[in-house]
Amino acid sequence: MSDTRQTGKVVYPLAYVYLVSLLSSLSGQTNCVQIADYWKNNRPALESIFEDFPKQDISHDTVRRLLMLIDPDQFQSFYSKQVKPLLHQFTSRVVAVDGQAVRASKNSTQKNGKYILTFYDTDNGIALGQKLIGERHNEITYAADMVEGLDLRGSIVTADALHTQEKFAAKLIEQGADYCLAVKQNQETLYYDIQLCFVDRLDTRTLEIEKIELGHSRIETRRISVLPGNALMADHLKKWIGLDEGTIIKATTEVVDKAAGQISSLDRYFICSLNWFNTHIAEQCARAVRRYWGIENDMHYVLDVDFF
């Protein structure tokens, strides 16, 4: 981390402030007051280990000021190096991409709070990378740029319809990853053409798997239907790299609420670069579609609730 302060006036070296902040955080003490207390309570031990450790306590205001000197891009590089050894190399691990407003950061100028875009490894439960961005529409351009700085080889990257962009898909293939991207009316022609493919019963290549879950007075049936990507017209295959050998997916969720006596059904559609001829391709597609919710249930819960 670069230090922009005047060298002759430095009392607390950044290396020691950041080290103590890390140690304090690992023990569950994460705010600036707690970090300053950790420094005070453990200073004798730290002085015995580091000869040039500062001989005085630090205030929480100083901790806050020095933490604000951290350059986000430099920290992302440092964070990636620390996280990489912790990752278990799952076969085709699923990485979910999504943005979330942090409610705790709301103020008079940012009524919705600061917006963070996250690449989240749903299998390891680790954020691979995060980017603080401006308004929501900027999320699209940042996602493609972030791909280059992450090791996504062999993973399946899944995202909502906002990120169903040709540039994003091409970047993922270029980096050795596969994609599974939701398709909605923002890709109107593609959306309706995928619908028609699954309506056409003349195509006998459709693979289907179904899972039923019971709980909370509800019966939830999840059905995944998969067709080869080349079932679509050639115009679509030219635009989406990897789709000609990939798949298109229809995910149907039917919920029977026994208590309310209601039945609801929802169809969702996806384009996916996973090769149609892969063994257990339907199961792979089902896993990619299902694992996307890991970022909603895990990462977004932390940003929206724990940080509030």
C-alpha atoms as a PDB file:
ATOM      1  CA  MET A   1       0.000   0.000   0.000  1.00  0.00           C
ATOM      2  CA  SER A   2       1.423   3.398  -0.961  1.00  0.00           C
ATOM      3  CA  ASP A   3       1.747   5.995   1.815  1.00  0.00           C
ATOM      4  CA  THR A   4       1.015   9.576   0.676  1.00  0.00           C
ATOM      5  CA  ARG A   5       1.914  11.179   4.030  1.00  0.00           C
ATOM      6  CA  GLN A   6       5.012  13.313   4.653  1.00  0.00           C
ATOM      7  CA  THR A   7       7.719  10.893   5.799  1.00  0.00           C
ATOM      8  CA  GLY A   8       9.074  13.118   8.582  1.00  0.00           C
ATOM      9  CA  LYS A   9       5.656  13.448  10.248  1.00  0.00           C
ATOM     10  CA  VAL A  10       4.739   9.745  10.286  1.00  0.00           C
ATOM     11  CA  VAL A  11       4.117   8.433  13.823  1.00  0.00           C
ATOM     12  CA  TYR A  12       2.159   5.297  12.961  1.00  0.00           C
ATOM     13  CA  PRO A  13       3.562   3.317   9.996  1.00  0.00           C
ATOM     14  CA  LEU A  14       0.810   2.041   7.729  1.00  0.00           C
ATOM     15  CA  ALA A  15       2.155  -1.505   7.856  1.00  0.00           C
ATOM     16  CA  TYR A  16       1.583  -1.707  11.608  1.00  0.00           C
ATOM     17  CA  VAL A  17      -1.822  -0.004  11.498  1.00  0.00           C
ATOM     18  CA  TYR A  18      -3.030  -2.425   8.836  1.00  0.00           C
ATOM     19  CA  LEU A  19      -1.483  -5.409  10.617  1.00  0.00           C
ATOM     20  CA  VAL A  20      -3.253  -4.569  13.874  1.00  0.00           C
ATOM     21  CA  SER A  21      -6.497  -3.903  11.982  1.00  0.00           C
ATOM     22  CA  LEU A  22      -6.257  -7.349  10.418  1.00  0.00           C
ATOM     23  CA  LEU A  23      -5.468  -9.076  13.724  1.00  0.00           C
ATOM     24  CA  SER A  24      -8.279  -7.219  15.451  1.00  0.00           C
ATOM     25  CA  SER A  25     -10.733  -8.167  12.685  1.00  0.00           C
ATOM     26  CA  LEU A  26      -9.738 -11.821  12.880  1.00  0.00           C
ATOM     27  CA  SER A  27     -10.695 -11.752  16.557  1.00  0.00           C
ATOM     28  CA  GLY A  28     -14.115 -10.296  15.701  1.00  0.00           C
ATOM     29  CA  GLN A  29     -13.341  -6.665  16.570  1.00  0.00           C
ATOM     30  CA  THR A  30     -13.914  -4.729  13.373  1.00  0.00           C
ATOM     31  CA  ASN A  31     -14.767  -1.070  14.071  1.00  0.00           C
ATOM     32  CA  CYS A  32     -12.191   1.673  14.608  1.00  0.00           C
ATOM     33  CA  VAL A  33     -12.767   1.966  18.371  1.00  0.00           C
ATOM     34  CA  GLN A  34     -12.253  -1.778  18.791  1.00  0.00           C
ATOM     35  CA  ILE A  35      -9.094  -1.697  16.647  1.00  0.00           C
ATOM     36  CA  ALA A  36      -7.678   1.133  18.781  1.00  0.00           C
ATOM     37  CA  ASP A  37      -8.484  -0.867  21.947  1.00  0.00           C
ATOM     38  CA  TYR A  38      -6.842  -3.955  20.457  1.00  0.00           C
ATOM     39  CA  TRP A  39      -3.708  -1.866  19.768  1.00  0.00           C
ATOM     40  CA  LYS A  40      -3.666  -0.600  23.373  1.00  0.00           C
ATOM     41  CA  ASN A  41      -4.279  -4.000  24.975  1.00  0.00           C
ATOM     42  CA  ASN A  42      -1.739  -5.859  22.848  1.00  0.00           C
ATOM     43  CA  ARG A  43       0.935  -3.187  22.392  1.00  0.00           C
ATOM     44  CA  PRO A  44       3.409  -4.783  24.895  1.00  0.00           C
ATOM     45  CA  ALA A  45       3.272  -8.085  23.006  1.00  0.00           C
ATOM     46  CA  LEU A  46       3.643  -6.357  19.625  1.00  0.00           C
ATOM     47  CA  GLU A  47       6.598  -4.301  20.897  1.00  0.00           C
ATOM     48  CA  SER A  48       8.339  -7.519  21.951  1.00  0.00           C
ATOM     49  CA  ILE A  49       7.957  -8.904  18.415  1.00  0.00           C
ATOM     50  CA  PHE A  50       8.611  -5.738  16.379  1.00  0.00           C
ATOM     51  CA  GLU A  51      11.453  -3.544  17.651  1.00  0.00           C
ATOM     52  CA  ASP A  52      10.225  -0.420  15.850  1.00  0.00           C
ATOM     53  CA  PHE A  53       6.565  -0.800  16.829  1.00  0.00           C
ATOM     54  CA  PRO A  54       5.185   2.631  17.998  1.00  0.00           C
ATOM     55  CA  LYS A  55       5.547   3.171  21.746  1.00  0.00           C
ATOM     56  CA  GLN A  56       2.258   5.011  22.156  1.00  0.00           C
ATOM     57  CA  ASP A  57      -1.393   4.102  21.803  1.00  0.00           C
ATOM     58  CA  ILE A  58      -3.427   5.113  18.777  1.00  0.00           C
ATOM     59  CA  SER A  59      -6.798   6.891  18.688  1.00  0.00           C
ATOM     60  CA  HIS A  60      -9.780   5.526  16.837  1.00  0.00           C
ATOM     61  CA  ASP A  61      -9.887   8.719  14.742  1.00  0.00           C
ATOM     62  CA  THR A  62      -6.339   8.057  13.553  1.00  0.00           C
ATOM     63  CA  VAL A  63      -7.232   4.447  12.756  1.00  0.00           C
ATOM     64  CA  ARG A  64     -10.169   5.622  10.667  1.00  0.00           C
ATOM     65  CA  ARG A  65      -8.105   8.256   8.849  1.00  0.00           C
ATOM     66  CA  LEU A  66      -5.335   5.809   7.984  1.00  0.00           C
ATOM     67  CA  LEU A  67      -7.739   3.086   6.845  1.00  0.00           C
ATOM     68  CA  MET A  68      -9.276   5.640   4.470  1.00  0.00           C
ATOM     69  CA  LEU A  69      -5.869   5.980   2.768  1.00  0.00           C
ATOM     70  CA  ILE A  70      -6.217   2.471   1.336  1.00  0.00           C
ATOM     71  CA  ASP A  71      -6.484   2.556  -2.438  1.00  0.00           C
ATOM     72  CA  PRO A  72      -9.328   0.178  -3.476  1.00  0.00           C
ATOM     73  CA  ASP A  73      -7.457  -1.151  -6.519  1.00  0.00           C
ATOM     74  CA  GLN A  74      -4.305  -1.869  -4.504  1.00  0.00           C
ATOM     75  CA  PHE A  75      -6.378  -3.568  -1.829  1.00  0.00           C
ATOM     76  CA  GLN A  76      -8.150  -5.726  -4.427  1.00  0.00           C
ATOM     77  CA  SER A  77      -4.782  -7.033  -5.624  1.00  0.00           C
ATOM     78  CA  PHE A  78      -3.695  -7.761  -2.040  1.00  0.00           C
ATOM     79  CA  TYR A  79      -7.036  -9.380  -1.210  1.00  0.00           C
ATOM     80  CA  SER A  80      -6.894 -11.656  -4.258  1.00  0.00           C
ATOM     81  CA  LYS A  81      -3.444 -12.926  -3.258  1.00  0.00           C
ATOM     82  CA  GLN A  82      -4.673 -13.742   0.251  1.00  0.00           C
ATOM     83  CA  VAL A  83      -7.887 -15.431  -0.891  1.00  0.00           C
ATOM     84  CA  LYS A  84      -6.490 -17.614  -3.679  1.00  0.00           C
ATOM     85  CA  PRO A  85      -4.813 -20.208  -1.385  1.00  0.00           C
ATOM     86  CA  LEU A  86      -8.091 -20.592   0.523  1.00  0.00           C
ATOM     87  CA  LEU A  87     -10.070 -21.695  -2.512  1.00  0.00           C
ATOM     88  CA  HIS A  88     -10.853 -25.362  -2.912  1.00  0.00           C
ATOM     89  CA  GLN A  89     -10.685 -26.218  -6.596  1.00  0.00           C
ATOM     90  CA  PHE A  90     -14.142 -27.645  -7.156  1.00  0.00           C
ATOM     91  CA  THR A  91     -14.910 -29.122 -10.537  1.00  0.00           C
ATOM     92  CA  SER A  92     -16.729 -26.343 -12.395  1.00  0.00           C
ATOM     93  CA  ARG A  93     -17.181 -24.117  -9.350  1.00  0.00           C
ATOM     94  CA  VAL A  94     -20.043 -21.658  -9.766  1.00  0.00           C
ATOM     95  CA  VAL A  95     -19.251 -17.942  -9.504  1.00  0.00           C
ATOM     96  CA  ALA A  96     -22.258 -15.615  -9.176  1.00  0.00           C
ATOM     97  CA  VAL A  97     -22.097 -11.971 -10.264  1.00  0.00           C
ATOM     98  CA  ASP A  98     -24.437  -9.318  -8.918  1.00  0.00           C
ATOM     99  CA  GLY A  99     -24.576  -5.830  -7.486  1.00  0.00           C
ATOM    100  CA  GLN A 100     -26.055  -4.707  -4.177  1.00  0.00           C
ATOM    101  CA  ALA A 101     -26.678  -1.365  -2.518  1.00  0.00           C
ATOM    102  CA  VAL A 102     -25.297  -1.163   1.028  1.00  0.00           C
ATOM    103  CA  ARG A 103     -28.084   0.389   3.091  1.00  0.00           C
ATOM    104  CA  ALA A 104     -25.721   1.489   5.858  1.00  0.00           C
ATOM    105  CA  SER A 105     -23.975   3.852   3.410  1.00  0.00           C
ATOM    106  CA  LYS A 106     -27.086   5.921   2.665  1.00  0.00           C
ATOM    107  CA  ASN A 107     -26.703   9.690   3.006  1.00  0.00           C
ATOM    108  CA  SER A 108     -28.184  12.916   1.632  1.00  0.00           C
ATOM    109  CA  THR A 109     -26.332  12.587  -1.685  1.00  0.00           C
ATOM    110  CA  GLN A 110     -26.685   8.799  -2.075  1.00  0.00           C
ATOM    111  CA  LYS A 111     -30.223   7.961  -1.069  1.00  0.00           C
ATOM    112  CA  ASN A 112     -29.881   4.325  -2.135  1.00  0.00           C
ATOM    113  CA  GLY A 113     -26.451   3.894  -0.578  1.00  0.00           C
ATOM    114  CA  LYS A 114     -23.168   2.947  -2.212  1.00  0.00           C
ATOM    115  CA  TYR A 115     -23.398   0.194  -4.794  1.00  0.00           C
ATOM    116  CA  ILE A 116     -21.004  -2.762  -4.755  1.00  0.00           C
ATOM    117  CA  LEU A 117     -20.516  -5.235  -7.603  1.00  0.00           C
ATOM    118  CA  THR A 118     -19.359  -8.670  -6.413  1.00  0.00           C
ATOM    119  CA  PHE A 119     -17.966 -11.828  -8.014  1.00  0.00           C
ATOM    120  CA  TYR A 120     -18.888 -14.466  -5.430  1.00  0.00           C
ATOM    121  CA  ASP A 121     -17.561 -18.045  -5.355  1.00  0.00           C
ATOM    122  CA  THR A 122     -20.705 -19.861  -4.233  1.00  0.00           C
ATOM    123  CA  ASP A 123     -18.915 -23.150  -3.568  1.00  0.00           C
ATOM    124  CA  ASN A 124     -16.218 -21.697  -1.314  1.00  0.00           C
ATOM    125  CA  GLY A 125     -18.363 -18.901   0.121  1.00  0.00           C
ATOM    126  CA  ILE A 126     -15.710 -16.293  -0.715  1.00  0.00           C
ATOM    127  CA  ALA A 127     -15.957 -12.982  -2.574  1.00  0.00           C
ATOM    128  CA  LEU A 128     -13.336 -13.160  -5.329  1.00  0.00           C
ATOM    129  CA  GLY A 129     -13.550  -9.480  -6.111  1.00  0.00           C
ATOM    130  CA  GLN A 130     -15.634  -6.401  -5.369  1.00  0.00           C
ATOM    131  CA  LYS A 131     -15.923  -3.015  -7.023  1.00  0.00           C
ATOM    132  CA  LEU A 132     -17.521   0.135  -5.637  1.00  0.00           C
ATOM    133  CA  ILE A 133     -19.477   1.669  -8.499  1.00  0.00           C
ATOM    134  CA  GLY A 134     -21.769   4.610  -9.132  1.00  0.00           C
ATOM    135  CA  GLU A 135     -25.306   4.393 -10.403  1.00  0.00           C
ATOM    136  CA  ARG A 136     -26.779   0.991 -11.188  1.00  0.00           C
ATOM    137  CA  HIS A 137     -26.493   1.331 -14.986  1.00  0.00           C
ATOM    138  CA  ASN A 138     -22.675   1.399 -14.669  1.00  0.00           C
ATOM    139  CA  GLU A 139     -22.705  -2.149 -13.298  1.00  0.00           C
ATOM    140  CA  ILE A 140     -22.720  -3.565 -16.846  1.00  0.00           C
ATOM    141  CA  THR A 141     -19.418  -2.038 -17.956  1.00  0.00           C
ATOM    142  CA  TYR A 142     -17.607  -2.760 -14.684  1.00  0.00           C
ATOM    143  CA  ALA A 143     -18.422  -6.490 -14.757  1.00  0.00           C
ATOM    144  CA  ALA A 144     -16.627  -7.084 -18.065  1.00  0.00           C
ATOM    145  CA  ASP A 145     -13.574  -5.132 -16.881  1.00  0.00           C
ATOM    146  CA  MET A 146     -13.368  -7.055 -13.583  1.00  0.00           C
ATOM    147  CA  VAL A 147     -13.173 -10.406 -15.399  1.00  0.00           C
ATOM    148  CA  GLU A 148      -9.606  -9.695 -16.554  1.00  0.00           C
ATOM    149  CA  GLY A 149      -8.302  -9.332 -12.999  1.00  0.00           C
ATOM    150  CA  LEU A 150      -9.771 -12.592 -11.657  1.00  0.00           C
ATOM    151  CA  ASP A 151      -8.800 -16.232 -12.083  1.00  0.00           C
ATOM    152  CA  LEU A 152     -12.047 -17.738 -13.345  1.00  0.00           C
ATOM    153  CA  ARG A 153     -10.578 -20.624 -15.338  1.00  0.00           C
ATOM    154  CA  GLY A 154     -12.741 -23.734 -15.272  1.00  0.00           C
ATOM    155  CA  SER A 155     -15.601 -21.995 -13.456  1.00  0.00           C
ATOM    156  CA  ILE A 156     -19.206 -21.367 -14.478  1.00  0.00           C
ATOM    157  CA  VAL A 157     -20.074 -17.689 -14.129  1.00  0.00           C
ATOM    158  CA  THR A 158     -23.770 -16.998 -13.645  1.00  0.00           C
ATOM    159  CA  ALA A 159     -25.528 -13.651 -13.571  1.00  0.00           C
ATOM    160  CA  ASP A 160     -28.931 -12.020 -13.898  1.00  0.00           C
ATOM    161  CA  ALA A 161     -30.311 -10.550 -17.118  1.00  0.00           C
ATOM    162  CA  LEU A 162     -28.616  -7.188 -16.571  1.00  0.00           C
ATOM    163  CA  HIS A 163     -25.280  -8.853 -17.381  1.00  0.00           C
ATOM    164  CA  THR A 164     -26.505 -10.804 -20.385  1.00  0.00           C
ATOM    165  CA  GLN A 165     -24.216  -8.804 -22.637  1.00  0.00           C
ATOM    166  CA  GLU A 166     -22.158 -10.037 -25.593  1.00  0.00           C
ATOM    167  CA  LYS A 167     -18.978  -8.354 -24.330  1.00  0.00           C
ATOM    168  CA  PHE A 168     -19.302  -9.948 -20.884  1.00  0.00           C
ATOM    169  CA  ALA A 169     -19.862 -13.427 -22.348  1.00  0.00           C
ATOM    170  CA  ALA A 170     -16.892 -13.025 -24.709  1.00  0.00           C
ATOM    171  CA  LYS A 171     -14.613 -11.912 -21.849  1.00  0.00           C
ATOM    172  CA  LEU A 172     -15.545 -14.988 -19.804  1.00  0.00           C
ATOM    173  CA  ILE A 173     -14.812 -17.394 -22.666  1.00  0.00           C
ATOM    174  CA  GLU A 174     -11.533 -15.566 -23.313  1.00  0.00           C
ATOM    175  CA  GLN A 175     -10.514 -16.115 -19.673  1.00  0.00           C
ATOM    176  CA  GLY A 176     -11.292 -19.865 -19.807  1.00  0.00           C
ATOM    177  CA  ALA A 177     -14.649 -19.726 -17.985  1.00  0.00           C
ATOM    178  CA  ASP A 178     -18.160 -20.755 -19.018  1.00  0.00           C
ATOM    179  CA  TYR A 179     -21.257 -18.614 -18.634  1.00  0.00           C
ATOM    180  CA  CYS A 180     -24.862 -19.236 -17.614  1.00  0.00           C
ATOM    181  CA  LEU A 181     -26.757 -15.974 -18.129  1.00  0.00           C
ATOM    182  CA  ALA A 182     -30.417 -15.213 -17.510  1.00  0.00           C
ATOM    183  CA  VAL A 183     -32.446 -13.990 -20.475  1.00  0.00           C
ATOM    184  CA  LYS A 184     -35.408 -11.666 -20.008  1.00  0.00           C
ATOM    185  CA  GLN A 185     -37.292  -9.124 -22.095  1.00  0.00           C
ATOM    186  CA  ASN A 186     -34.233  -6.830 -22.177  1.00  0.00           C
ATOM    187  CA  GLN A 187     -33.055  -9.281 -24.887  1.00  0.00           C
ATOM    188  CA  GLU A 188     -36.490  -9.403 -26.475  1.00  0.00           C
ATOM    189  CA  THR A 189     -35.757 -11.357 -29.666  1.00  0.00           C
ATOM    190  CA  LEU A 190     -33.500 -13.849 -27.911  1.00  0.00           C
ATOM    191  CA  TYR A 191     -36.023 -14.275 -25.099  1.00  0.00           C
ATOM    192  CA  TYR A 192     -38.963 -15.139 -27.344  1.00  0.00           C
ATOM    193  CA  ASP A 193     -36.881 -17.358 -29.633  1.00  0.00           C
ATOM    194  CA  ILE A 194     -35.755 -19.440 -26.634  1.00  0.00           C
ATOM    195  CA  GLN A 195     -39.387 -19.707 -25.521  1.00  0.00           C
ATOM    196  CA  LEU A 196     -40.369 -20.971 -28.971  1.00  0.00           C
ATOM    197  CA  CYS A 197     -37.619 -23.611 -28.903  1.00  0.00           C
ATOM    198  CA  PHE A 198     -39.146 -25.191 -25.792  1.00  0.00           C
ATOM    199  CA  VAL A 199     -42.692 -24.885 -27.128  1.00  0.00           C
ATOM    200  CA  ASP A 200     -41.699 -26.781 -30.290  1.00  0.00           C
ATOM    201  CA  ARG A 201     -42.333 -30.390 -29.293  1.00  0.00           C
ATOM    202  CA  LEU A 202     -40.837 -31.592 -32.586  1.00  0.00           C
ATOM    203  CA  ASP A 203     -37.385 -31.204 -31.066  1.00  0.00           C
ATOM    204  CA  THR A 204     -36.858 -34.521 -29.284  1.00  0.00           C
ATOM    205  CA  ARG A 205     -33.458 -33.565 -27.893  1.00  0.00           C
ATOM    206  CA  THR A 206     -34.871 -31.910 -24.757  1.00  0.00           C
ATOM    207  CA  LEU A 207     -33.324 -33.213 -21.526  1.00  0.00           C
ATOM    208  CA  GLU A 208     -35.285 -32.781 -18.297  1.00  0.00           C
ATOM    209  CA  ILE A 209     -34.663 -33.292 -14.592  1.00  0.00           C
ATOM    210  CA  GLU A 210     -37.047 -32.563 -11.738  1.00  0.00           C
ATOM    211  CA  LYS A 211     -36.694 -32.102  -8.000  1.00  0.00           C
ATOM    212  CA  ILE A 212     -39.464 -31.800  -5.418  1.00  0.00           C
ATOM    213  CA  GLU A 213     -38.953 -30.257  -1.962  1.00  0.00           C
ATOM    214  CA  LEU A 214     -41.396 -30.152   0.946  1.00  0.00           C
ATOM    215  CA  GLY A 215     -41.339 -27.688   3.833  1.00  0.00           C
ATOM    216  CA  HIS A 216     -43.123 -24.798   5.547  1.00  0.00           C
ATOM    217  CA  SER A 217     -46.512 -26.032   4.255  1.00  0.00           C
ATOM    218  CA  ARG A 218     -45.246 -25.712   0.684  1.00  0.00           C
ATOM    219  CA  ILE A 219     -44.485 -28.137  -2.113  1.00  0.00           C
ATOM    220  CA  GLU A 220     -41.854 -26.745  -4.456  1.00  0.00           C
ATOM    221  CA  THR A 221     -41.179 -28.458  -7.769  1.00  0.00           C
ATOM    222  CA  ARG A 222     -38.128 -27.349  -9.758  1.00  0.00           C
ATOM    223  CA  ARG A 223     -37.860 -28.577 -13.334  1.00  0.00           C
ATOM    224  CA  ILE A 224     -34.884 -27.966 -15.632  1.00  0.00           C
ATOM    225  CA  SER A 225     -35.244 -28.443 -19.393  1.00  0.00           C
ATOM    226  CA  VAL A 226     -32.156 -28.257 -21.615  1.00  0.00           C
ATOM    227  CA  LEU A 227     -31.711 -27.996 -25.385  1.00  0.00           C
ATOM    228  CA  PRO A 228     -28.547 -27.596 -27.481  1.00  0.00           C
ATOM    229  CA  GLY A 229     -27.708 -23.997 -28.287  1.00  0.00           C
ATOM    230  CA  ASN A 230     -27.846 -24.663 -32.016  1.00  0.00           C
ATOM    231  CA  ALA A 231     -31.618 -25.030 -31.694  1.00  0.00           C
ATOM    232  CA  LEU A 232     -31.587 -21.234 -31.976  1.00  0.00           C
ATOM    233  CA  MET A 233     -31.282 -19.366 -35.252  1.00  0.00           C
ATOM    234  CA  ALA A 234     -27.824 -18.686 -36.665  1.00  0.00           C
ATOM    235  CA  ASP A 235     -28.118 -14.930 -35.991  1.00  0.00           C
ATOM    236  CA  HIS A 236     -28.060 -15.575 -32.229  1.00  0.00           C
ATOM    237  CA  LEU A 237     -25.178 -18.036 -32.460  1.00  0.00           C
ATOM    238  CA  LYS A 238     -23.044 -15.437 -34.242  1.00  0.00           C
ATOM    239  CA  LYS A 239     -23.578 -12.925 -31.449  1.00  0.00           C
ATOM    240  CA  TRP A 240     -22.986 -15.194 -28.452  1.00  0.00           C
ATOM    241  CA  ILE A 241     -19.591 -16.883 -28.467  1.00  0.00           C
ATOM    242  CA  GLY A 242     -19.752 -20.468 -27.202  1.00  0.00           C
ATOM    243  CA  LEU A 243     -23.523 -20.789 -27.595  1.00  0.00           C
ATOM    244  CA  ASP A 244     -23.355 -22.804 -30.837  1.00  0.00           C
ATOM    245  CA  GLU A 245     -21.835 -25.706 -28.874  1.00  0.00           C
ATOM    246  CA  GLY A 246     -23.559 -24.747 -25.634  1.00  0.00           C
ATOM    247  CA  THR A 247     -27.093 -24.994 -24.310  1.00  0.00           C
ATOM    248  CA  ILE A 248     -30.298 -23.078 -23.702  1.00  0.00           C
ATOM    249  CA  ILE A 249     -32.158 -23.676 -20.445  1.00  0.00           C
ATOM    250  CA  LYS A 250     -35.721 -23.383 -19.198  1.00  0.00           C
ATOM    251  CA  ALA A 251     -36.083 -23.417 -15.412  1.00  0.00           C
ATOM    252  CA  THR A 252     -39.636 -23.884 -14.148  1.00  0.00           C
ATOM    253  CA  THR A 253     -40.506 -23.422 -10.479  1.00  0.00           C
ATOM    254  CA  GLU A 254     -43.971 -24.432  -9.290  1.00  0.00           C
ATOM    255  CA  VAL A 255     -44.999 -23.742  -5.699  1.00  0.00           C
ATOM    256  CA  VAL A 256     -48.088 -25.179  -4.012  1.00  0.00           C
ATOM    257  CA  ASP A 257     -48.901 -23.266  -0.811  1.00  0.00           C
ATOM    258  CA  LYS A 258     -51.077 -25.734   1.090  1.00  0.00           C
ATOM    259  CA  ALA A 259     -51.899 -23.259   3.864  1.00  0.00           C
ATOM    260  CA  ALA A 260     -53.148 -20.542   1.503  1.00  0.00           C
ATOM    261  CA  GLY A 261     -54.446 -22.930  -1.133  1.00  0.00           C
ATOM    262  CA  GLN A 262     -52.517 -21.148  -3.869  1.00  0.00           C
ATOM    263  CA  ILE A 263     -50.455 -22.429  -6.785  1.00  0.00           C
ATOM    264  CA  SER A 264     -47.824 -20.284  -8.528  1.00  0.00           C
ATOM    265  CA  SER A 265     -45.533 -21.053 -11.427  1.00  0.00           C
ATOM    266  CA  LEU A 266     -42.543 -19.205 -12.902  1.00  0.00           C
ATOM    267  CA  ASP A 267     -40.496 -19.905 -16.029  1.00  0.00           C
ATOM    268  CA  ARG A 268     -36.975 -18.534 -16.419  1.00  0.00           C
ATOM    269  CA  TYR A 269     -34.643 -18.827 -19.401  1.00  0.00           C
ATOM    270  CA  PHE A 270     -30.852 -18.945 -19.730  1.00  0.00           C
ATOM    271  CA  ILE A 271     -28.119 -19.183 -22.330  1.00  0.00           C
ATOM    272  CA  CYS A 272     -25.128 -21.298 -21.324  1.00  0.00           C
ATOM    273  CA  SER A 273     -21.774 -22.115 -22.905  1.00  0.00           C
ATOM    274  CA  LEU A 274     -21.490 -25.529 -21.203  1.00  0.00           C
ATOM    275  CA  ASN A 275     -21.030 -28.057 -23.989  1.00  0.00           C
ATOM    276  CA  TRP A 276     -24.214 -29.913 -24.907  1.00  0.00           C
ATOM    277  CA  PHE A 277     -22.285 -33.193 -25.125  1.00  0.00           C
ATOM    278  CA  ASN A 278     -20.912 -32.978 -21.568  1.00  0.00           C
ATOM    279  CA  THR A 279     -21.751 -35.898 -19.325  1.00  0.00           C
ATOM    280  CA  HIS A 280     -24.742 -35.057 -17.085  1.00  0.00           C
ATOM    281  CA  ILE A 281     -25.208 -31.725 -18.861  1.00  0.00           C
ATOM    282  CA  ALA A 282     -28.733 -31.263 -17.458  1.00  0.00           C
ATOM    283  CA  GLU A 283     -27.440 -31.678 -13.893  1.00  0.00           C
ATOM    284  CA  GLN A 284     -24.616 -29.215 -14.565  1.00  0.00           C
ATOM    285  CA  CYS A 285     -27.070 -26.625 -15.883  1.00  0.00           C
ATOM    286  CA  ALA A 286     -29.422 -27.173 -12.927  1.00  0.00           C
ATOM    287  CA  ARG A 287     -26.550 -26.648 -10.498  1.00  0.00           C
ATOM    288  CA  ALA A 288     -25.443 -23.416 -12.211  1.00  0.00           C
ATOM    289  CA  VAL A 289     -28.991 -22.016 -12.164  1.00  0.00           C
ATOM    290  CA  ARG A 290     -29.554 -22.988  -8.527  1.00  0.00           C
ATOM    291  CA  ARG A 291     -26.165 -21.860  -7.172  1.00  0.00           C
ATOM    292  CA  TYR A 292     -26.716 -18.293  -8.377  1.00  0.00           C
ATOM    293  CA  TRP A 293     -28.937 -17.735  -5.344  1.00  0.00           C
ATOM    294  CA  GLY A 294     -25.877 -18.249  -3.139  1.00  0.00           C
ATOM    295  CA  ILE A 295     -24.904 -14.614  -3.662  1.00  0.00           C
ATOM    296  CA  GLU A 296     -28.413 -13.485  -2.708  1.00  0.00           C
ATOM    297  CA  ASN A 297     -28.689 -15.648   0.402  1.00  0.00           C
ATOM    298  CA  ASP A 298     -25.114 -15.312   1.661  1.00  0.00           C
ATOM    299  CA  MET A 299     -23.260 -12.272   0.326  1.00  0.00           C
ATOM    300  CA  HIS A 300     -26.185  -9.867  -0.037  1.00  0.00           C
ATOM    301  CA  TYR A 301     -27.513 -10.785   3.386  1.00  0.00           C
ATOM    302  CA  VAL A 302     -24.205  -9.672   4.917  1.00  0.00           C
ATOM    303  CA  LEU A 303     -24.163  -6.398   2.980  1.00  0.00           C
ATOM    304  CA  ASP A 304     -27.819  -5.626   3.589  1.00  0.00           C
ATOM    305  CA  VAL A 305     -28.255  -6.827   7.174  1.00  0.00           C
ATOM    306  CA  ASP A 306     -24.923  -7.263   8.978  1.00  0.00           C
ATOM    307  CA  PHE A 307     -23.592  -3.939   7.655  1.00  0.00           C
ATOM    308  CA  PHE A 308     -26.838  -2.058   8.341  1.00  0.00           C
END
